[in-house]
Amino acid sequence: MTSTHAPLSISLQCLGNAGCVYQRKPIDVLVTIRNEGSRDIGFPLDYLRKSGPIVKFIDTDTGAVTYARRGLANPALKTQFTTIAPGASISMEIDVHPTDIETFRIKKVDISVEVILKGNIRIDGEAELQDYQGGAKIRIFEKDE
């Protein structure tokens, strides 16, 4: 997914687990948002840290889909922006919980996890906000025992 209004790129990385191997415990995922453009972008980072991004789980074998629960956040945080300078990035961590992963367990886990960031952003301090949606995927799998 890409935004038509902002040159932001989203990347995901499993922390302390280079291959994103499922070991029946939570997996910490680093979500990095990078400004690939030439103008400052205001991003509602505090809101997304409180509410969590949209996290979609897709079973590789069956195509079944489910979503993680999101938290509640003060709506006023949607208009408090963290500035991302051109070429700079910001990040947040999310936990992928075993209860979400185990939903797909038949023999062994093999899923894609898509993290979707959605909301309004502010470009170069302009008064009018822009809609933004972007995301990235990682694969989480269980090794043969």
Protein backbone atom coordinates (compact mmCIF):
# COMPACT_ATOMS: atom_id res chain seq x y z
CA MET A 1 0.00 0.00 0.00
CA THR A 2 1.24 3.44 -0.76
CA SER A 3 0.02 6.94 -0.17
CA THR A 4 -0.84 9.24 -3.00
CA HIS A 5 -0.04 12.27 -0.85
CA ALA A 6 3.22 11.54 0.94
CA PRO A 7 6.54 9.93 0.19
CA LEU A 8 6.62 7.84 3.37
CA SER A 9 7.99 4.31 3.37
CA ILE A 10 7.11 1.76 6.02
CA SER A 11 9.39 -1.12 7.00
CA LEU A 12 9.10 -3.90 9.57
CA GLN A 13 11.77 -5.80 11.46
CA CYS A 14 11.47 -8.53 14.11
CA LEU A 15 13.56 -7.46 17.12
CA GLY A 16 15.82 -10.09 18.67
CA ASN A 17 14.52 -12.62 16.15
CA ALA A 18 16.26 -12.14 12.79
CA GLY A 19 14.15 -14.66 10.89
CA CYS A 20 10.80 -13.84 12.55
CA VAL A 21 10.64 -17.43 13.77
CA TYR A 22 7.64 -18.21 15.97
CA GLN A 23 8.65 -19.77 19.29
CA ARG A 24 5.30 -19.60 21.13
CA LYS A 25 6.06 -16.25 22.74
CA PRO A 26 5.36 -12.63 21.72
CA ILE A 27 7.35 -11.26 18.81
CA ASP A 28 8.47 -7.63 19.05
CA VAL A 29 8.25 -5.86 15.71
CA LEU A 30 9.90 -2.52 14.95
CA VAL A 31 7.81 -0.34 12.62
CA THR A 32 9.93 2.31 10.91
CA ILE A 33 8.38 5.25 9.05
CA ARG A 34 10.82 7.05 6.75
CA ASN A 35 10.34 10.32 4.90
CA GLU A 36 11.63 9.66 1.37
CA GLY A 37 10.58 13.11 0.13
CA SER A 38 11.94 16.65 0.25
CA ARG A 39 9.42 18.25 2.65
CA ASP A 40 8.77 17.89 6.39
CA ILE A 41 5.91 15.57 7.24
CA GLY A 42 3.95 15.73 10.49
CA PHE A 43 2.90 12.22 11.55
CA PRO A 44 0.50 11.31 14.44
CA LEU A 45 3.03 8.99 16.11
CA ASP A 46 1.72 9.37 19.68
CA TYR A 47 -1.80 8.45 18.58
CA LEU A 48 -0.57 5.33 16.76
CA ARG A 49 1.58 4.31 19.71
CA LYS A 50 -1.50 4.41 21.96
CA SER A 51 -4.08 2.91 19.55
CA GLY A 52 -1.71 0.63 17.70
CA PRO A 53 -1.65 0.31 13.93
CA ILE A 54 -4.01 -1.95 12.02
CA VAL A 55 -2.43 -5.42 12.18
CA LYS A 56 -3.72 -7.98 9.70
CA PHE A 57 -2.82 -11.68 9.91
CA ILE A 58 -2.98 -13.78 6.74
CA ASP A 59 -2.55 -17.57 6.81
CA THR A 60 -0.18 -18.62 4.02
CA ASP A 61 -1.87 -21.97 3.41
CA THR A 62 -5.57 -21.10 3.61
CA GLY A 63 -5.67 -17.35 2.95
CA ALA A 64 -7.72 -16.89 6.14
CA VAL A 65 -7.53 -13.36 7.56
CA THR A 66 -7.97 -11.93 11.03
CA TYR A 67 -7.07 -8.65 12.72
CA ALA A 68 -5.46 -7.82 16.07
CA ARG A 69 -7.44 -5.76 18.52
CA ARG A 70 -6.52 -2.10 18.65
CA GLY A 71 -6.23 -0.02 21.79
CA LEU A 72 -8.12 3.11 22.71
CA ALA A 73 -6.41 6.46 22.34
CA ASN A 74 -7.43 10.02 23.01
CA PRO A 75 -8.76 11.39 19.67
CA ALA A 76 -6.96 14.69 20.38
CA LEU A 77 -3.68 12.86 19.74
CA LYS A 78 -4.67 12.54 16.06
CA THR A 79 -3.73 16.21 15.59
CA GLN A 80 -0.48 16.13 17.57
CA PHE A 81 2.25 15.55 15.02
CA THR A 82 5.83 14.34 15.20
CA THR A 83 7.85 15.97 12.43
CA ILE A 84 9.79 13.68 10.12
CA ALA A 85 12.43 15.69 8.24
CA PRO A 86 13.39 14.69 4.68
CA GLY A 87 15.55 11.56 4.82
CA ALA A 88 14.79 10.98 8.51
CA SER A 89 12.72 8.26 10.15
CA ILE A 90 10.71 7.61 13.28
CA SER A 91 9.75 4.27 14.75
CA MET A 92 7.54 2.44 17.19
CA GLU A 93 7.38 -1.10 18.50
CA ILE A 94 4.42 -3.43 18.43
CA ASP A 95 4.00 -6.87 19.99
CA VAL A 96 2.58 -9.73 17.96
CA HIS A 97 0.93 -11.95 20.57
CA PRO A 98 0.75 -15.76 20.52
CA THR A 99 -3.06 -15.60 20.87
CA ASP A 100 -3.23 -13.87 17.47
CA ILE A 101 -0.70 -16.21 15.88
CA GLU A 102 -2.17 -19.43 17.32
CA THR A 103 -5.49 -18.71 15.58
CA PHE A 104 -3.91 -20.15 12.43
CA ARG A 105 -2.10 -23.11 13.94
CA ILE A 106 -3.08 -26.34 12.24
CA LYS A 107 0.27 -28.09 11.95
CA LYS A 108 2.72 -25.23 12.18
CA VAL A 109 2.51 -21.45 11.93
CA ASP A 110 3.23 -19.81 8.57
CA ILE A 111 1.56 -16.40 8.29
CA SER A 112 2.06 -12.95 6.84
CA VAL A 113 1.60 -10.04 9.19
CA GLU A 114 0.63 -6.77 7.52
CA VAL A 115 0.96 -3.55 9.50
CA ILE A 116 -1.18 -0.72 8.13
CA LEU A 117 -0.77 2.90 9.19
CA LYS A 118 -3.75 5.09 8.45
CA GLY A 119 -4.59 8.67 9.39
CA ASN A 120 -4.07 12.32 8.62
CA ILE A 121 -0.61 13.82 8.15
CA ARG A 122 0.60 17.40 7.84
CA ILE A 123 2.97 18.29 5.00
CA ASP A 124 5.31 21.26 5.53
CA GLY A 125 3.13 22.63 8.34
CA GLU A 126 0.22 23.32 5.97
CA ALA A 127 -3.16 23.90 7.64
CA GLU A 128 -4.95 21.36 5.45
CA LEU A 129 -4.27 17.78 6.51
CA GLN A 130 -3.73 14.97 4.01
CA ASP A 131 -5.11 11.43 4.24
CA TYR A 132 -2.41 8.81 4.49
CA GLN A 133 -2.38 5.04 4.33
CA GLY A 134 0.69 2.87 4.02
CA GLY A 135 1.91 -0.47 5.20
CA ALA A 136 4.35 -3.33 5.02
CA LYS A 137 4.35 -7.10 5.52
CA ILE A 138 6.57 -9.64 7.23
CA ARG A 139 6.36 -13.41 7.39
CA ILE A 140 6.26 -15.27 10.70
CA PHE A 141 6.75 -19.00 10.59
CA GLU A 142 7.41 -21.94 12.87
CA LYS A 143 10.41 -24.13 12.12
CA ASP A 144 10.09 -27.89 11.93
CA GLU A 145 10.95 -29.51 15.22
